[in-house]
């Protein structure tokens, strides 16, 4: 279920990230049966379909990574960074956001409907995690 991602709305860091997230949530709400089918197909382990499934999922993952990187680059460009030209800054934020999102996807993989029902709560928690990274967790001496 890959649709052309619209330009993310917003001019601020969180607006851009959550605009992209909302697009994905809405896609899942518009196509609930298709999403269930994709979820079940992703779990299929039959050797008859494993290779083809792996190729398809790899294409999906690569496309998703491209879109996420574009969104994160745009979001990071709104921040006042100490090292704005350092490509590791955007890469680090992308890794961190993906790790936090994977945490939630893992938590809700057996109840995907709960994931969407709690989208607002998840976004608040995601913001709290990102705030830790952006604003630090170590006190100044």
C-alpha atoms as a PDB file:
ATOM      1  CA  UNK A   1       0.000   0.000   0.000  1.00  0.00           C
ATOM      2  CA  UNK A   2       2.237   2.716  -1.248  1.00  0.00           C
ATOM      3  CA  UNK A   3       0.596   5.888  -2.384  1.00  0.00           C
ATOM      4  CA  UNK A   4       2.306   8.990  -3.632  1.00  0.00           C
ATOM      5  CA  UNK A   5       3.152  10.897  -0.484  1.00  0.00           C
ATOM      6  CA  UNK A   6       1.880  14.439  -0.601  1.00  0.00           C
ATOM      7  CA  UNK A   7       4.183  17.247   0.424  1.00  0.00           C
ATOM      8  CA  UNK A   8       4.075  17.262   4.189  1.00  0.00           C
ATOM      9  CA  UNK A   9       2.226  20.147   5.732  1.00  0.00           C
ATOM     10  CA  UNK A  10       3.660  22.449   8.308  1.00  0.00           C
ATOM     11  CA  UNK A  11       6.630  24.676   8.754  1.00  0.00           C
ATOM     12  CA  UNK A  12       7.840  23.444  12.142  1.00  0.00           C
ATOM     13  CA  UNK A  13       9.706  20.254  13.041  1.00  0.00           C
ATOM     14  CA  UNK A  14       6.836  18.408  14.759  1.00  0.00           C
ATOM     15  CA  UNK A  15       4.201  19.631  12.298  1.00  0.00           C
ATOM     16  CA  UNK A  16       6.182  18.120   9.424  1.00  0.00           C
ATOM     17  CA  UNK A  17       6.822  14.802  11.169  1.00  0.00           C
ATOM     18  CA  UNK A  18       3.261  14.414  12.404  1.00  0.00           C
ATOM     19  CA  UNK A  19       1.824  15.463   9.040  1.00  0.00           C
ATOM     20  CA  UNK A  20       3.662  12.537   7.433  1.00  0.00           C
ATOM     21  CA  UNK A  21       2.567  10.245  10.250  1.00  0.00           C
ATOM     22  CA  UNK A  22      -1.060  11.365   9.874  1.00  0.00           C
ATOM     23  CA  UNK A  23      -0.872  10.614   6.145  1.00  0.00           C
ATOM     24  CA  UNK A  24       0.173   7.037   6.947  1.00  0.00           C
ATOM     25  CA  UNK A  25      -2.512   6.687   9.627  1.00  0.00           C
ATOM     26  CA  UNK A  26      -5.175   7.981   7.237  1.00  0.00           C
ATOM     27  CA  UNK A  27      -4.019   5.581   4.557  1.00  0.00           C
ATOM     28  CA  UNK A  28      -4.544   2.713   6.985  1.00  0.00           C
ATOM     29  CA  UNK A  29      -7.971   4.019   7.969  1.00  0.00           C
ATOM     30  CA  UNK A  30      -9.055   4.407   4.335  1.00  0.00           C
ATOM     31  CA  UNK A  31      -7.813   0.908   3.427  1.00  0.00           C
ATOM     32  CA  UNK A  32      -8.372  -1.153   6.619  1.00  0.00           C
ATOM     33  CA  UNK A  33      -8.973  -4.471   4.880  1.00  0.00           C
ATOM     34  CA  UNK A  34      -5.968  -4.031   2.637  1.00  0.00           C
ATOM     35  CA  UNK A  35      -3.810  -3.221   5.652  1.00  0.00           C
ATOM     36  CA  UNK A  36      -5.003  -6.365   7.434  1.00  0.00           C
ATOM     37  CA  UNK A  37      -4.173  -8.366   4.318  1.00  0.00           C
ATOM     38  CA  UNK A  38      -0.681  -6.828   4.143  1.00  0.00           C
ATOM     39  CA  UNK A  39      -0.204  -7.530   7.853  1.00  0.00           C
ATOM     40  CA  UNK A  40      -1.211 -11.189   7.411  1.00  0.00           C
ATOM     41  CA  UNK A  41       0.855 -11.563   4.223  1.00  0.00           C
ATOM     42  CA  UNK A  42       3.931 -10.166   5.961  1.00  0.00           C
ATOM     43  CA  UNK A  43       3.652 -12.960   8.523  1.00  0.00           C
ATOM     44  CA  UNK A  44       3.299 -15.716   5.920  1.00  0.00           C
ATOM     45  CA  UNK A  45       6.287 -18.023   6.202  1.00  0.00           C
ATOM     46  CA  UNK A  46       5.484 -20.606   3.537  1.00  0.00           C
ATOM     47  CA  UNK A  47       8.532 -21.391   1.432  1.00  0.00           C
ATOM     48  CA  UNK A  48       6.329 -21.147  -1.679  1.00  0.00           C
ATOM     49  CA  UNK A  49       5.835 -17.400  -1.224  1.00  0.00           C
ATOM     50  CA  UNK A  50       8.808 -16.459   0.961  1.00  0.00           C
ATOM     51  CA  UNK A  51      11.145 -15.284  -1.811  1.00  0.00           C
ATOM     52  CA  UNK A  52       8.529 -13.235  -3.661  1.00  0.00           C
ATOM     53  CA  UNK A  53       7.226 -11.798  -0.382  1.00  0.00           C
ATOM     54  CA  UNK A  54      10.751 -10.816   0.609  1.00  0.00           C
ATOM     55  CA  UNK A  55      11.308  -8.987  -2.696  1.00  0.00           C
ATOM     56  CA  UNK A  56       8.013  -7.137  -2.373  1.00  0.00           C
ATOM     57  CA  UNK A  57       8.626  -6.166   1.252  1.00  0.00           C
ATOM     58  CA  UNK A  58      12.141  -4.986   0.385  1.00  0.00           C
ATOM     59  CA  UNK A  59      10.733  -2.665  -2.314  1.00  0.00           C
ATOM     60  CA  UNK A  60       8.184  -1.370   0.196  1.00  0.00           C
ATOM     61  CA  UNK A  61      10.835  -0.830   2.883  1.00  0.00           C
ATOM     62  CA  UNK A  62      13.193   0.986   0.487  1.00  0.00           C
ATOM     63  CA  UNK A  63      10.409   3.283  -0.742  1.00  0.00           C
ATOM     64  CA  UNK A  64       9.375   3.980   2.849  1.00  0.00           C
ATOM     65  CA  UNK A  65      12.958   4.808   3.805  1.00  0.00           C
ATOM     66  CA  UNK A  66      13.232   7.246   0.902  1.00  0.00           C
ATOM     67  CA  UNK A  67      10.040   9.028   1.926  1.00  0.00           C
ATOM     68  CA  UNK A  68      11.053   9.079   5.602  1.00  0.00           C
ATOM     69  CA  UNK A  69      14.453  10.525   4.744  1.00  0.00           C
ATOM     70  CA  UNK A  70      12.848  13.321   2.694  1.00  0.00           C
ATOM     71  CA  UNK A  71      10.434  14.130   5.500  1.00  0.00           C
ATOM     72  CA  UNK A  72      13.164  14.092   8.135  1.00  0.00           C
ATOM     73  CA  UNK A  73      15.463  16.270   6.003  1.00  0.00           C
ATOM     74  CA  UNK A  74      12.685  18.833   5.650  1.00  0.00           C
ATOM     75  CA  UNK A  75      11.843  18.663   9.360  1.00  0.00           C
ATOM     76  CA  UNK A  76      15.482  18.971  10.442  1.00  0.00           C
ATOM     77  CA  UNK A  77      15.927  21.995   8.176  1.00  0.00           C
ATOM     78  CA  UNK A  78      13.515  23.882  10.459  1.00  0.00           C
ATOM     79  CA  UNK A  79      15.725  23.396  13.516  1.00  0.00           C
ATOM     80  CA  UNK A  80      18.541  25.673  14.632  1.00  0.00           C
ATOM     81  CA  UNK A  81      21.354  23.143  14.753  1.00  0.00           C
ATOM     82  CA  UNK A  82      24.883  23.510  16.063  1.00  0.00           C
ATOM     83  CA  UNK A  83      26.178  21.656  12.991  1.00  0.00           C
ATOM     84  CA  UNK A  84      23.578  22.177  10.251  1.00  0.00           C
ATOM     85  CA  UNK A  85      25.801  20.788   7.483  1.00  0.00           C
ATOM     86  CA  UNK A  86      26.548  17.532   9.294  1.00  0.00           C
ATOM     87  CA  UNK A  87      24.669  14.727   7.460  1.00  0.00           C
ATOM     88  CA  UNK A  88      24.877  12.547  10.569  1.00  0.00           C
ATOM     89  CA  UNK A  89      22.413  14.858  12.321  1.00  0.00           C
ATOM     90  CA  UNK A  90      19.562  13.982   9.953  1.00  0.00           C
ATOM     91  CA  UNK A  91      20.634  10.334   9.850  1.00  0.00           C
ATOM     92  CA  UNK A  92      20.724  10.133  13.659  1.00  0.00           C
ATOM     93  CA  UNK A  93      17.266  11.662  13.999  1.00  0.00           C
ATOM     94  CA  UNK A  94      15.891   9.278  11.378  1.00  0.00           C
ATOM     95  CA  UNK A  95      17.391   6.268  13.162  1.00  0.00           C
ATOM     96  CA  UNK A  96      15.989   7.490  16.479  1.00  0.00           C
ATOM     97  CA  UNK A  97      12.485   8.181  15.104  1.00  0.00           C
ATOM     98  CA  UNK A  98      12.423   4.801  13.357  1.00  0.00           C
ATOM     99  CA  UNK A  99      13.548   3.023  16.532  1.00  0.00           C
ATOM    100  CA  UNK A 100      10.805   4.678  18.582  1.00  0.00           C
ATOM    101  CA  UNK A 101       8.174   3.961  15.897  1.00  0.00           C
ATOM    102  CA  UNK A 102       9.313   0.330  15.660  1.00  0.00           C
ATOM    103  CA  UNK A 103       8.867   0.106  19.428  1.00  0.00           C
ATOM    104  CA  UNK A 104       5.200   1.070  19.018  1.00  0.00           C
ATOM    105  CA  UNK A 105       4.682  -1.118  15.966  1.00  0.00           C
ATOM    106  CA  UNK A 106       6.035  -4.075  17.938  1.00  0.00           C
ATOM    107  CA  UNK A 107       3.802  -3.266  20.914  1.00  0.00           C
ATOM    108  CA  UNK A 108       0.691  -3.156  18.755  1.00  0.00           C
ATOM    109  CA  UNK A 109       1.490  -5.733  16.076  1.00  0.00           C
ATOM    110  CA  UNK A 110      -1.154  -8.113  17.415  1.00  0.00           C
ATOM    111  CA  UNK A 111      -3.744  -5.305  17.811  1.00  0.00           C
ATOM    112  CA  UNK A 112      -3.161  -2.870  14.930  1.00  0.00           C
ATOM    113  CA  UNK A 113      -6.565  -1.256  15.463  1.00  0.00           C
ATOM    114  CA  UNK A 114      -5.439  -0.194  18.953  1.00  0.00           C
ATOM    115  CA  UNK A 115      -2.381   1.430  17.395  1.00  0.00           C
ATOM    116  CA  UNK A 116      -4.603   3.676  15.272  1.00  0.00           C
ATOM    117  CA  UNK A 117      -7.047   4.280  18.095  1.00  0.00           C
ATOM    118  CA  UNK A 118      -4.179   5.523  20.274  1.00  0.00           C
ATOM    119  CA  UNK A 119      -2.503   7.593  17.544  1.00  0.00           C
ATOM    120  CA  UNK A 120      -2.833  10.845  19.492  1.00  0.00           C
ATOM    121  CA  UNK A 121      -1.308   9.331  22.611  1.00  0.00           C
ATOM    122  CA  UNK A 122       1.485   7.733  20.582  1.00  0.00           C
ATOM    123  CA  UNK A 123       2.309  11.078  18.948  1.00  0.00           C
ATOM    124  CA  UNK A 124       2.555  12.739  22.383  1.00  0.00           C
ATOM    125  CA  UNK A 125       4.912  10.002  23.560  1.00  0.00           C
ATOM    126  CA  UNK A 126       6.935  10.218  20.352  1.00  0.00           C
ATOM    127  CA  UNK A 127       7.293  13.973  20.899  1.00  0.00           C
ATOM    128  CA  UNK A 128       8.503  13.332  24.464  1.00  0.00           C
ATOM    129  CA  UNK A 129      11.137  10.878  23.171  1.00  0.00           C
ATOM    130  CA  UNK A 130      12.259  13.315  20.480  1.00  0.00           C
ATOM    131  CA  UNK A 131      12.410  16.162  22.986  1.00  0.00           C
ATOM    132  CA  UNK A 132      14.837  14.061  25.017  1.00  0.00           C
ATOM    133  CA  UNK A 133      17.108  13.752  22.016  1.00  0.00           C
ATOM    134  CA  UNK A 134      16.725  17.319  20.776  1.00  0.00           C
ATOM    135  CA  UNK A 135      17.028  19.086  24.095  1.00  0.00           C
ATOM    136  CA  UNK A 136      19.221  16.613  25.904  1.00  0.00           C
ATOM    137  CA  UNK A 137      18.917  14.526  28.990  1.00  0.00           C
ATOM    138  CA  UNK A 138      22.265  15.310  30.552  1.00  0.00           C
ATOM    139  CA  UNK A 139      22.433  18.269  32.915  1.00  0.00           C
ATOM    140  CA  UNK A 140      25.010  20.964  32.426  1.00  0.00           C
ATOM    141  CA  UNK A 141      27.896  21.137  34.862  1.00  0.00           C
END
